[in-house]
Amino acid sequence: VSVVESGGGLVEPGGSLTLSCVTSGVPFGEYHASWHRQTPGKERELVAFITGDGYNSRMVDSVKCRFTISRDNIRDTVFLEMNSLKPDDTGVYYCKLQGMSSNKEWWGQGTLVIVST
């Protein structure tokens, strides 16, 4: 199984980034997907979640109206579009797959996002 995030980088406050999570080795449509972020000294936190069929999603309050999660079940990829970025959005962003009918889960290695002038 492979879960690989990309798209992180340095961006100024107010800017935008789109993260991608390319997966392989699992029946992608049978897995919910989510994005999590971690900053030094803090626990990893859920940012956004999307169901396996892509029809339902939710964001944490701190990113609502700024971030959008989506998925392409043909390309086995999950996206996180991030707009109006703030310094507090800085962190390592991780992609996670969670089995819809099993306890299996898979994490990527993370991609670093830095929001700074």
N, C-alpha and C. Protein backbone atom coordinates (compact mmCIF):
# COMPACT_ATOMS: atom_id res chain seq x y z
N VAL A 1 0.85 -1.19 0.00
CA VAL A 1 0.00 0.00 0.00
C VAL A 1 0.89 1.24 0.00
N SER A 2 0.49 2.19 -0.81
CA SER A 2 1.25 3.45 -0.90
C SER A 2 0.31 4.62 -0.72
N VAL A 3 0.67 5.54 0.17
CA VAL A 3 -0.07 6.78 0.39
C VAL A 3 0.94 7.90 0.37
N VAL A 4 0.90 8.75 -0.63
CA VAL A 4 1.95 9.75 -0.82
C VAL A 4 1.34 11.13 -0.99
N GLU A 5 1.65 12.02 -0.05
CA GLU A 5 1.18 13.41 -0.12
C GLU A 5 2.17 14.27 -0.87
N SER A 6 1.68 15.31 -1.45
CA SER A 6 2.53 16.30 -2.11
C SER A 6 1.79 17.63 -2.17
N GLY A 7 2.52 18.68 -2.54
CA GLY A 7 1.89 19.97 -2.73
C GLY A 7 2.18 20.98 -1.63
N GLY A 8 2.85 20.56 -0.59
CA GLY A 8 3.18 21.50 0.48
C GLY A 8 4.26 22.48 0.03
N GLY A 9 4.50 23.47 0.88
CA GLY A 9 5.51 24.45 0.56
C GLY A 9 5.35 25.69 1.41
N LEU A 10 6.07 26.72 1.03
CA LEU A 10 6.04 28.01 1.72
C LEU A 10 5.09 28.93 0.98
N VAL A 11 4.17 29.54 1.72
CA VAL A 11 3.21 30.45 1.11
C VAL A 11 2.97 31.62 2.06
N GLU A 12 2.69 32.78 1.50
CA GLU A 12 2.42 33.95 2.32
C GLU A 12 1.00 33.90 2.88
N PRO A 13 0.76 34.56 4.00
CA PRO A 13 -0.61 34.63 4.52
C PRO A 13 -1.57 35.16 3.46
N GLY A 14 -2.74 34.55 3.39
CA GLY A 14 -3.71 34.90 2.37
C GLY A 14 -3.57 34.11 1.09
N GLY A 15 -2.50 33.36 0.97
CA GLY A 15 -2.26 32.58 -0.23
C GLY A 15 -3.01 31.27 -0.25
N SER A 16 -2.74 30.48 -1.30
CA SER A 16 -3.44 29.21 -1.50
C SER A 16 -2.46 28.09 -1.84
N LEU A 17 -2.85 26.90 -1.46
CA LEU A 17 -2.12 25.69 -1.84
C LEU A 17 -3.14 24.58 -2.03
N THR A 18 -2.81 23.62 -2.89
CA THR A 18 -3.63 22.42 -3.01
C THR A 18 -2.73 21.21 -2.77
N LEU A 19 -3.09 20.44 -1.77
CA LEU A 19 -2.37 19.22 -1.45
C LEU A 19 -3.01 18.05 -2.19
N SER A 20 -2.17 17.09 -2.57
CA SER A 20 -2.64 15.88 -3.22
C SER A 20 -2.16 14.67 -2.42
N CYS A 21 -2.97 13.62 -2.45
CA CYS A 21 -2.61 12.37 -1.79
C CYS A 21 -2.90 11.25 -2.79
N VAL A 22 -1.85 10.71 -3.35
CA VAL A 22 -1.99 9.65 -4.35
C VAL A 22 -1.82 8.30 -3.66
N THR A 23 -2.78 7.41 -3.90
CA THR A 23 -2.74 6.11 -3.22
C THR A 23 -2.70 4.98 -4.24
N SER A 24 -2.25 3.83 -3.76
CA SER A 24 -2.27 2.62 -4.57
C SER A 24 -2.22 1.42 -3.64
N GLY A 25 -2.69 0.29 -4.15
CA GLY A 25 -2.61 -0.94 -3.38
C GLY A 25 -3.83 -1.25 -2.54
N VAL A 26 -4.84 -0.35 -2.56
CA VAL A 26 -6.08 -0.59 -1.83
C VAL A 26 -7.26 -0.31 -2.75
N PRO A 27 -8.41 -0.93 -2.49
CA PRO A 27 -9.63 -0.56 -3.24
C PRO A 27 -10.10 0.80 -2.78
N PHE A 28 -9.64 1.84 -3.43
CA PHE A 28 -9.74 3.22 -2.94
C PHE A 28 -11.16 3.61 -2.57
N GLY A 29 -12.11 3.23 -3.37
CA GLY A 29 -13.51 3.60 -3.11
C GLY A 29 -14.09 2.97 -1.86
N GLU A 30 -13.39 2.01 -1.27
CA GLU A 30 -13.86 1.36 -0.04
C GLU A 30 -13.23 1.97 1.20
N TYR A 31 -12.55 3.09 1.01
CA TYR A 31 -11.89 3.76 2.13
C TYR A 31 -12.35 5.21 2.24
N HIS A 32 -12.74 5.58 3.46
CA HIS A 32 -12.90 7.01 3.75
C HIS A 32 -11.50 7.64 3.73
N ALA A 33 -11.44 8.93 3.53
CA ALA A 33 -10.15 9.61 3.52
C ALA A 33 -10.23 10.87 4.38
N SER A 34 -9.11 11.26 4.92
CA SER A 34 -9.08 12.46 5.75
C SER A 34 -7.70 13.09 5.69
N TRP A 35 -7.67 14.37 6.00
CA TRP A 35 -6.43 15.13 6.14
C TRP A 35 -6.28 15.52 7.61
N HIS A 36 -5.07 15.41 8.10
CA HIS A 36 -4.74 15.77 9.47
C HIS A 36 -3.50 16.65 9.44
N ARG A 37 -3.33 17.45 10.46
CA ARG A 37 -2.11 18.26 10.52
C ARG A 37 -1.53 18.21 11.92
N GLN A 38 -0.22 18.40 11.96
CA GLN A 38 0.48 18.39 13.23
C GLN A 38 1.50 19.51 13.26
N THR A 39 1.50 20.24 14.38
CA THR A 39 2.50 21.27 14.60
C THR A 39 3.33 20.87 15.82
N PRO A 40 4.56 21.39 15.91
CA PRO A 40 5.44 21.00 17.03
C PRO A 40 4.77 21.23 18.38
N GLY A 41 4.84 20.24 19.23
CA GLY A 41 4.30 20.36 20.57
C GLY A 41 2.81 20.12 20.68
N LYS A 42 2.17 19.83 19.55
CA LYS A 42 0.74 19.59 19.58
C LYS A 42 0.42 18.21 19.01
N GLU A 43 -0.73 17.70 19.39
CA GLU A 43 -1.16 16.42 18.85
C GLU A 43 -1.65 16.61 17.42
N ARG A 44 -1.58 15.51 16.68
CA ARG A 44 -2.10 15.55 15.33
C ARG A 44 -3.62 15.74 15.38
N GLU A 45 -4.14 16.65 14.55
CA GLU A 45 -5.56 16.95 14.59
C GLU A 45 -6.21 16.72 13.23
N LEU A 46 -7.45 16.31 13.28
CA LEU A 46 -8.24 16.14 12.05
C LEU A 46 -8.56 17.50 11.46
N VAL A 47 -8.40 17.65 10.17
CA VAL A 47 -8.71 18.90 9.47
C VAL A 47 -9.94 18.72 8.58
N ALA A 48 -9.97 17.62 7.82
CA ALA A 48 -11.06 17.42 6.88
C ALA A 48 -11.26 15.93 6.63
N PHE A 49 -12.51 15.57 6.33
CA PHE A 49 -12.88 14.16 6.15
C PHE A 49 -13.82 14.05 4.96
N ILE A 50 -13.68 12.95 4.22
CA ILE A 50 -14.60 12.70 3.11
C ILE A 50 -14.90 11.22 3.05
N THR A 51 -16.15 10.89 2.77
CA THR A 51 -16.55 9.49 2.70
C THR A 51 -16.00 8.82 1.44
N GLY A 52 -16.06 7.49 1.45
CA GLY A 52 -15.49 6.72 0.35
C GLY A 52 -16.11 7.03 -1.00
N ASP A 53 -17.40 7.33 -0.99
CA ASP A 53 -18.07 7.66 -2.26
C ASP A 53 -17.94 9.12 -2.62
N GLY A 54 -17.37 9.92 -1.72
CA GLY A 54 -17.16 11.34 -2.01
C GLY A 54 -18.37 12.22 -1.85
N TYR A 55 -19.47 11.67 -1.41
CA TYR A 55 -20.71 12.45 -1.35
C TYR A 55 -20.85 13.27 -0.08
N ASN A 56 -20.13 12.92 0.95
CA ASN A 56 -20.21 13.65 2.21
C ASN A 56 -18.83 14.02 2.71
N SER A 57 -18.73 15.21 3.25
CA SER A 57 -17.46 15.68 3.78
C SER A 57 -17.71 16.62 4.94
N ARG A 58 -16.71 16.84 5.72
CA ARG A 58 -16.81 17.83 6.80
C ARG A 58 -15.43 18.38 7.08
N MET A 59 -15.42 19.62 7.56
CA MET A 59 -14.18 20.32 7.93
C MET A 59 -14.28 20.74 9.39
N VAL A 60 -13.14 20.86 10.05
CA VAL A 60 -13.17 21.41 11.38
C VAL A 60 -13.48 22.90 11.28
N ASP A 61 -13.99 23.48 12.38
CA ASP A 61 -14.45 24.87 12.34
C ASP A 61 -13.36 25.84 11.92
N SER A 62 -12.13 25.58 12.31
CA SER A 62 -11.05 26.53 12.04
C SER A 62 -10.71 26.67 10.56
N VAL A 63 -11.17 25.72 9.73
CA VAL A 63 -10.85 25.80 8.30
C VAL A 63 -12.09 25.88 7.42
N LYS A 64 -13.27 25.87 8.02
CA LYS A 64 -14.50 25.95 7.23
C LYS A 64 -14.49 27.22 6.39
N CYS A 65 -15.01 27.11 5.18
CA CYS A 65 -15.10 28.22 4.23
C CYS A 65 -13.74 28.60 3.64
N ARG A 66 -12.66 27.94 4.09
CA ARG A 66 -11.34 28.21 3.51
C ARG A 66 -10.75 26.97 2.85
N PHE A 67 -11.00 25.80 3.41
CA PHE A 67 -10.46 24.55 2.89
C PHE A 67 -11.59 23.72 2.28
N THR A 68 -11.22 22.93 1.26
CA THR A 68 -12.17 22.01 0.64
C THR A 68 -11.47 20.68 0.40
N ILE A 69 -12.10 19.60 0.85
CA ILE A 69 -11.57 18.27 0.58
C ILE A 69 -12.37 17.65 -0.56
N SER A 70 -11.68 16.94 -1.42
CA SER A 70 -12.35 16.25 -2.53
C SER A 70 -11.53 14.99 -2.87
N ARG A 71 -12.12 14.17 -3.71
CA ARG A 71 -11.41 12.94 -4.11
C ARG A 71 -11.77 12.58 -5.53
N ASP A 72 -10.87 11.89 -6.17
CA ASP A 72 -11.07 11.38 -7.52
C ASP A 72 -10.93 9.86 -7.44
N ASN A 73 -12.05 9.17 -7.48
CA ASN A 73 -12.02 7.71 -7.32
C ASN A 73 -11.59 6.98 -8.59
N ILE A 74 -11.30 7.71 -9.64
CA ILE A 74 -10.70 7.11 -10.83
C ILE A 74 -9.18 7.13 -10.71
N ARG A 75 -8.66 8.25 -10.22
CA ARG A 75 -7.21 8.40 -10.06
C ARG A 75 -6.72 8.03 -8.66
N ASP A 76 -7.66 7.57 -7.80
CA ASP A 76 -7.28 7.15 -6.44
C ASP A 76 -6.52 8.24 -5.70
N THR A 77 -7.04 9.43 -5.75
CA THR A 77 -6.35 10.60 -5.20
C THR A 77 -7.32 11.42 -4.35
N VAL A 78 -6.79 11.95 -3.26
CA VAL A 78 -7.53 12.85 -2.39
C VAL A 78 -6.86 14.22 -2.46
N PHE A 79 -7.66 15.27 -2.44
CA PHE A 79 -7.14 16.63 -2.53
C PHE A 79 -7.57 17.44 -1.31
N LEU A 80 -6.76 18.43 -0.97
CA LEU A 80 -7.15 19.43 0.02
C LEU A 80 -6.80 20.79 -0.55
N GLU A 81 -7.82 21.52 -0.96
CA GLU A 81 -7.63 22.87 -1.47
C GLU A 81 -7.68 23.81 -0.29
N MET A 82 -6.64 24.60 -0.14
CA MET A 82 -6.52 25.51 1.01
C MET A 82 -6.41 26.95 0.50
N ASN A 83 -7.33 27.77 0.92
CA ASN A 83 -7.34 29.19 0.54
C ASN A 83 -7.27 30.07 1.78
N SER A 84 -6.95 31.32 1.57
CA SER A 84 -6.88 32.30 2.67
C SER A 84 -6.05 31.74 3.83
N LEU A 85 -4.90 31.23 3.50
CA LEU A 85 -4.07 30.57 4.51
C LEU A 85 -3.60 31.55 5.58
N LYS A 86 -3.51 31.04 6.79
CA LYS A 86 -3.08 31.82 7.94
C LYS A 86 -1.83 31.17 8.54
N PRO A 87 -1.04 31.93 9.29
CA PRO A 87 0.13 31.33 9.95
C PRO A 87 -0.24 30.12 10.82
N ASP A 88 -1.42 30.14 11.42
CA ASP A 88 -1.85 29.01 12.26
C ASP A 88 -2.08 27.74 11.46
N ASP A 89 -2.15 27.84 10.15
CA ASP A 89 -2.31 26.64 9.31
C ASP A 89 -0.99 25.92 9.08
N THR A 90 0.09 26.51 9.54
CA THR A 90 1.40 25.89 9.38
C THR A 90 1.45 24.53 10.08
N GLY A 91 2.04 23.55 9.41
CA GLY A 91 2.18 22.24 10.02
C GLY A 91 2.49 21.19 8.96
N VAL A 92 2.65 19.96 9.41
CA VAL A 92 2.80 18.84 8.51
C VAL A 92 1.41 18.25 8.29
N TYR A 93 1.05 18.12 7.04
CA TYR A 93 -0.28 17.62 6.69
C TYR A 93 -0.17 16.16 6.26
N TYR A 94 -1.00 15.33 6.87
CA TYR A 94 -0.99 13.90 6.62
C TYR A 94 -2.31 13.46 6.00
N CYS A 95 -2.22 12.52 5.10
CA CYS A 95 -3.39 11.89 4.49
C CYS A 95 -3.61 10.53 5.15
N LYS A 96 -4.85 10.23 5.42
CA LYS A 96 -5.18 8.95 6.05
C LYS A 96 -6.32 8.28 5.30
N LEU A 97 -6.19 6.97 5.11
CA LEU A 97 -7.28 6.16 4.56
C LEU A 97 -7.82 5.28 5.69
N GLN A 98 -9.13 5.22 5.80
CA GLN A 98 -9.77 4.41 6.83
C GLN A 98 -10.77 3.48 6.17
N GLY A 99 -10.63 2.17 6.39
CA GLY A 99 -11.53 1.21 5.79
C GLY A 99 -12.97 1.45 6.20
N MET A 100 -13.87 1.37 5.25
CA MET A 100 -15.28 1.61 5.55
C MET A 100 -15.89 0.45 6.32
N SER A 101 -15.38 -0.75 6.08
CA SER A 101 -15.94 -1.93 6.74
C SER A 101 -14.87 -2.75 7.44
N SER A 102 -13.77 -2.10 7.76
CA SER A 102 -12.69 -2.78 8.48
C SER A 102 -11.98 -1.77 9.36
N ASN A 103 -11.07 -2.26 10.19
CA ASN A 103 -10.27 -1.36 11.03
C ASN A 103 -8.97 -0.95 10.37
N LYS A 104 -8.81 -1.32 9.12
CA LYS A 104 -7.54 -1.00 8.46
C LYS A 104 -7.43 0.50 8.23
N GLU A 105 -6.24 1.02 8.43
CA GLU A 105 -5.98 2.42 8.14
C GLU A 105 -4.55 2.55 7.64
N TRP A 106 -4.35 3.54 6.79
CA TRP A 106 -3.05 3.79 6.18
C TRP A 106 -2.77 5.27 6.21
N TRP A 107 -1.53 5.62 6.59
CA TRP A 107 -1.11 7.01 6.67
C TRP A 107 -0.01 7.28 5.66
N GLY A 108 0.03 8.49 5.17
CA GLY A 108 1.15 8.94 4.36
C GLY A 108 2.26 9.47 5.24
N GLN A 109 3.32 9.94 4.59
CA GLN A 109 4.49 10.41 5.32
C GLN A 109 4.39 11.90 5.66
N GLY A 110 3.41 12.58 5.09
CA GLY A 110 3.20 13.99 5.39
C GLY A 110 3.86 14.93 4.41
N THR A 111 3.30 16.12 4.31
CA THR A 111 3.88 17.19 3.50
C THR A 111 3.82 18.47 4.30
N LEU A 112 4.90 19.23 4.29
CA LEU A 112 5.03 20.40 5.16
C LEU A 112 4.45 21.65 4.50
N VAL A 113 3.61 22.33 5.25
CA VAL A 113 3.05 23.61 4.81
C VAL A 113 3.52 24.69 5.79
N ILE A 114 4.12 25.74 5.25
CA ILE A 114 4.56 26.86 6.07
C ILE A 114 3.90 28.12 5.54
N VAL A 115 3.15 28.79 6.42
CA VAL A 115 2.49 30.04 6.05
C VAL A 115 3.21 31.16 6.79
N SER A 116 3.93 31.96 6.03
CA SER A 116 4.75 33.00 6.64
C SER A 116 5.12 34.05 5.62
N THR A 117 5.41 35.25 6.13
CA THR A 117 5.87 36.33 5.24
C THR A 117 7.35 36.18 4.97
